[in-house]
Amino acid sequence: MTAEIITLFETNCADIPSMLRGTADNIEAETDDHIRTESIICVQIHENGDLQVYGWGRTDTHQCIANLEIAKHQLIQGLYDV
């Protein structure tokens, strides 16, 4: 399983609701000709540091944990060019 890491720039990602709407639009535009989104894992971070983790679509807690670990590894690889 591999995931593409997309760099978001501060000018467009500062508006979180707009970014989420754009992501939803992209998912709705997916066709059967391409690999379709199966699930989304979202980590919401509040100003006080509290986290809320959402697993939407065809996923469960174990899959969310595994995919978050894979994503962490890919982020570290990208950061350190490993």
N, C-alpha and C. Protein backbone atom coordinates (compact mmCIF):
# COMPACT_ATOMS: atom_id res chain seq x y z
N MET A 1 0.86 -1.17 0.00
CA MET A 1 0.00 0.00 0.00
C MET A 1 0.90 1.23 0.00
N THR A 2 0.65 2.15 -0.88
CA THR A 2 1.43 3.37 -0.93
C THR A 2 0.49 4.56 -1.08
N ALA A 3 0.89 5.66 -0.54
CA ALA A 3 0.08 6.87 -0.60
C ALA A 3 0.94 8.00 -1.12
N GLU A 4 0.34 8.84 -1.94
CA GLU A 4 1.04 10.00 -2.45
C GLU A 4 0.97 11.10 -1.41
N ILE A 5 2.10 11.72 -1.11
CA ILE A 5 2.13 12.83 -0.17
C ILE A 5 2.03 14.11 -0.98
N ILE A 6 1.00 14.88 -0.72
CA ILE A 6 0.76 16.10 -1.47
C ILE A 6 1.09 17.29 -0.58
N THR A 7 1.97 18.15 -1.05
CA THR A 7 2.35 19.33 -0.29
C THR A 7 1.27 20.39 -0.44
N LEU A 8 0.77 20.86 0.67
CA LEU A 8 -0.23 21.92 0.68
C LEU A 8 0.45 23.21 1.11
N PHE A 9 0.14 24.28 0.44
CA PHE A 9 0.76 25.55 0.76
C PHE A 9 -0.14 26.35 1.68
N GLU A 10 0.48 27.17 2.51
CA GLU A 10 -0.24 27.89 3.55
C GLU A 10 -1.37 28.75 2.97
N THR A 11 -1.20 29.26 1.76
CA THR A 11 -2.21 30.14 1.18
C THR A 11 -3.52 29.40 0.90
N ASN A 12 -3.47 28.09 0.67
CA ASN A 12 -4.71 27.40 0.39
C ASN A 12 -5.15 26.48 1.52
N CYS A 13 -4.26 26.02 2.35
CA CYS A 13 -4.65 25.07 3.38
C CYS A 13 -5.06 25.75 4.69
N ALA A 14 -4.93 27.06 4.77
CA ALA A 14 -5.33 27.75 6.00
C ALA A 14 -6.85 27.71 6.20
N ASP A 15 -7.59 27.59 5.11
CA ASP A 15 -9.05 27.53 5.17
C ASP A 15 -9.47 26.06 5.19
N ILE A 16 -9.52 25.47 6.38
CA ILE A 16 -9.77 24.04 6.53
C ILE A 16 -11.10 23.61 5.94
N PRO A 17 -12.22 24.29 6.22
CA PRO A 17 -13.49 23.85 5.63
C PRO A 17 -13.44 23.83 4.09
N SER A 18 -12.80 24.83 3.50
CA SER A 18 -12.69 24.87 2.04
C SER A 18 -11.86 23.71 1.52
N MET A 19 -10.79 23.37 2.22
CA MET A 19 -9.94 22.25 1.81
C MET A 19 -10.71 20.93 1.92
N LEU A 20 -11.49 20.76 2.98
CA LEU A 20 -12.29 19.55 3.13
C LEU A 20 -13.35 19.45 2.04
N ARG A 21 -13.98 20.59 1.71
CA ARG A 21 -14.97 20.59 0.63
C ARG A 21 -14.31 20.23 -0.70
N GLY A 22 -13.12 20.77 -0.94
CA GLY A 22 -12.39 20.44 -2.16
C GLY A 22 -12.05 18.97 -2.24
N THR A 23 -11.65 18.40 -1.12
CA THR A 23 -11.36 16.96 -1.08
C THR A 23 -12.62 16.16 -1.37
N ALA A 24 -13.73 16.56 -0.78
CA ALA A 24 -15.00 15.87 -1.04
C ALA A 24 -15.37 15.97 -2.52
N ASP A 25 -15.16 17.13 -3.12
CA ASP A 25 -15.45 17.30 -4.55
C ASP A 25 -14.58 16.36 -5.39
N ASN A 26 -13.30 16.26 -5.03
CA ASN A 26 -12.40 15.37 -5.76
C ASN A 26 -12.83 13.91 -5.64
N ILE A 27 -13.26 13.51 -4.46
CA ILE A 27 -13.72 12.13 -4.26
C ILE A 27 -14.98 11.86 -5.08
N GLU A 28 -15.91 12.81 -5.06
CA GLU A 28 -17.15 12.64 -5.83
C GLU A 28 -16.88 12.58 -7.33
N ALA A 29 -15.81 13.21 -7.79
CA ALA A 29 -15.49 13.23 -9.21
C ALA A 29 -14.74 11.97 -9.67
N GLU A 30 -14.35 11.12 -8.73
CA GLU A 30 -13.64 9.89 -9.11
C GLU A 30 -14.54 9.02 -9.99
N THR A 31 -13.92 8.36 -10.94
CA THR A 31 -14.66 7.48 -11.84
C THR A 31 -14.16 6.05 -11.65
N ASP A 32 -14.90 5.12 -12.21
CA ASP A 32 -14.51 3.72 -12.12
C ASP A 32 -13.24 3.43 -12.91
N ASP A 33 -12.82 4.38 -13.76
CA ASP A 33 -11.60 4.20 -14.54
C ASP A 33 -10.34 4.36 -13.70
N HIS A 34 -10.48 4.91 -12.51
CA HIS A 34 -9.33 5.17 -11.64
C HIS A 34 -9.52 4.46 -10.30
N ILE A 35 -8.46 4.40 -9.55
CA ILE A 35 -8.56 3.83 -8.20
C ILE A 35 -9.39 4.78 -7.36
N ARG A 36 -10.47 4.27 -6.80
CA ARG A 36 -11.40 5.09 -6.04
C ARG A 36 -11.02 5.13 -4.56
N THR A 37 -11.38 6.21 -3.91
CA THR A 37 -11.14 6.35 -2.47
C THR A 37 -11.98 5.34 -1.72
N GLU A 38 -11.34 4.60 -0.83
CA GLU A 38 -12.04 3.61 -0.02
C GLU A 38 -12.37 4.16 1.36
N SER A 39 -11.45 4.97 1.90
CA SER A 39 -11.68 5.53 3.22
C SER A 39 -10.83 6.79 3.39
N ILE A 40 -11.19 7.54 4.40
CA ILE A 40 -10.44 8.75 4.78
C ILE A 40 -10.22 8.68 6.28
N ILE A 41 -9.01 9.00 6.70
CA ILE A 41 -8.71 9.13 8.12
C ILE A 41 -8.34 10.59 8.35
N CYS A 42 -9.02 11.21 9.27
CA CYS A 42 -8.81 12.63 9.55
C CYS A 42 -8.45 12.80 11.01
N VAL A 43 -7.40 13.56 11.27
CA VAL A 43 -7.00 13.88 12.64
C VAL A 43 -7.25 15.37 12.84
N GLN A 44 -8.21 15.68 13.69
CA GLN A 44 -8.54 17.07 13.99
C GLN A 44 -7.79 17.46 15.26
N ILE A 45 -7.04 18.57 15.19
CA ILE A 45 -6.26 19.04 16.34
C ILE A 45 -6.86 20.36 16.81
N HIS A 46 -7.30 20.38 18.05
CA HIS A 46 -7.90 21.58 18.62
C HIS A 46 -6.81 22.49 19.19
N GLU A 47 -7.14 23.75 19.39
CA GLU A 47 -6.18 24.72 19.90
C GLU A 47 -5.56 24.29 21.22
N ASN A 48 -6.32 23.54 22.03
CA ASN A 48 -5.81 23.12 23.33
C ASN A 48 -4.98 21.83 23.24
N GLY A 49 -4.80 21.32 22.00
CA GLY A 49 -4.00 20.11 21.81
C GLY A 49 -4.79 18.82 21.78
N ASP A 50 -6.07 18.88 22.11
CA ASP A 50 -6.90 17.67 22.05
C ASP A 50 -7.03 17.20 20.61
N LEU A 51 -7.08 15.89 20.44
CA LEU A 51 -7.22 15.30 19.11
C LEU A 51 -8.56 14.60 18.98
N GLN A 52 -9.09 14.63 17.78
CA GLN A 52 -10.27 13.85 17.42
C GLN A 52 -9.90 13.11 16.15
N VAL A 53 -10.00 11.79 16.15
CA VAL A 53 -9.65 10.99 14.98
C VAL A 53 -10.93 10.44 14.37
N TYR A 54 -11.07 10.66 13.06
CA TYR A 54 -12.23 10.18 12.32
C TYR A 54 -11.78 9.13 11.31
N GLY A 55 -12.54 8.07 11.19
CA GLY A 55 -12.33 7.08 10.15
C GLY A 55 -13.60 6.98 9.35
N TRP A 56 -13.57 7.51 8.12
CA TRP A 56 -14.76 7.53 7.28
C TRP A 56 -14.61 6.53 6.15
N GLY A 57 -15.70 5.91 5.76
CA GLY A 57 -15.67 4.96 4.66
C GLY A 57 -15.51 3.53 5.16
N ARG A 58 -14.90 2.70 4.33
CA ARG A 58 -14.72 1.29 4.69
C ARG A 58 -13.42 1.13 5.47
N THR A 59 -13.50 1.34 6.76
CA THR A 59 -12.33 1.22 7.63
C THR A 59 -12.80 0.88 9.03
N ASP A 60 -11.88 0.46 9.84
CA ASP A 60 -12.15 0.21 11.25
C ASP A 60 -10.96 0.71 12.06
N THR A 61 -11.03 0.56 13.36
CA THR A 61 -9.97 1.10 14.22
C THR A 61 -8.61 0.52 13.89
N HIS A 62 -8.54 -0.79 13.66
CA HIS A 62 -7.25 -1.42 13.36
C HIS A 62 -6.67 -0.89 12.04
N GLN A 63 -7.51 -0.74 11.02
CA GLN A 63 -7.04 -0.22 9.74
C GLN A 63 -6.60 1.24 9.87
N CYS A 64 -7.33 2.02 10.67
CA CYS A 64 -6.93 3.41 10.89
C CYS A 64 -5.56 3.49 11.53
N ILE A 65 -5.33 2.69 12.55
CA ILE A 65 -4.03 2.68 13.22
C ILE A 65 -2.93 2.30 12.24
N ALA A 66 -3.15 1.23 11.47
CA ALA A 66 -2.14 0.77 10.51
C ALA A 66 -1.86 1.84 9.46
N ASN A 67 -2.90 2.45 8.92
CA ASN A 67 -2.71 3.47 7.89
C ASN A 67 -2.06 4.73 8.43
N LEU A 68 -2.36 5.10 9.66
CA LEU A 68 -1.69 6.26 10.26
C LEU A 68 -0.20 5.97 10.46
N GLU A 69 0.15 4.75 10.82
CA GLU A 69 1.56 4.38 10.96
C GLU A 69 2.27 4.41 9.61
N ILE A 70 1.61 3.91 8.58
CA ILE A 70 2.19 3.95 7.22
C ILE A 70 2.38 5.41 6.79
N ALA A 71 1.37 6.24 7.04
CA ALA A 71 1.46 7.66 6.67
C ALA A 71 2.61 8.33 7.43
N LYS A 72 2.76 8.01 8.71
CA LYS A 72 3.85 8.58 9.51
C LYS A 72 5.19 8.21 8.90
N HIS A 73 5.34 6.95 8.52
CA HIS A 73 6.59 6.47 7.92
C HIS A 73 6.87 7.21 6.61
N GLN A 74 5.84 7.39 5.77
CA GLN A 74 6.02 8.08 4.50
C GLN A 74 6.38 9.55 4.70
N LEU A 75 5.79 10.18 5.72
CA LEU A 75 6.12 11.57 6.01
C LEU A 75 7.57 11.68 6.46
N ILE A 76 8.02 10.76 7.29
CA ILE A 76 9.41 10.78 7.76
C ILE A 76 10.36 10.53 6.59
N GLN A 77 10.02 9.57 5.73
CA GLN A 77 10.84 9.32 4.55
C GLN A 77 10.96 10.57 3.68
N GLY A 78 9.85 11.25 3.46
CA GLY A 78 9.86 12.46 2.65
C GLY A 78 10.65 13.57 3.29
N LEU A 79 10.55 13.69 4.60
CA LEU A 79 11.25 14.73 5.33
C LEU A 79 12.77 14.54 5.29
N TYR A 80 13.20 13.30 5.44
CA TYR A 80 14.63 13.01 5.51
C TYR A 80 15.16 12.38 4.23
N ASP A 81 14.30 12.31 3.19
CA ASP A 81 14.71 11.77 1.90
C ASP A 81 15.35 10.39 2.04
N VAL A 82 14.73 9.54 2.90
CA VAL A 82 15.26 8.21 3.18
C VAL A 82 14.85 7.24 2.11
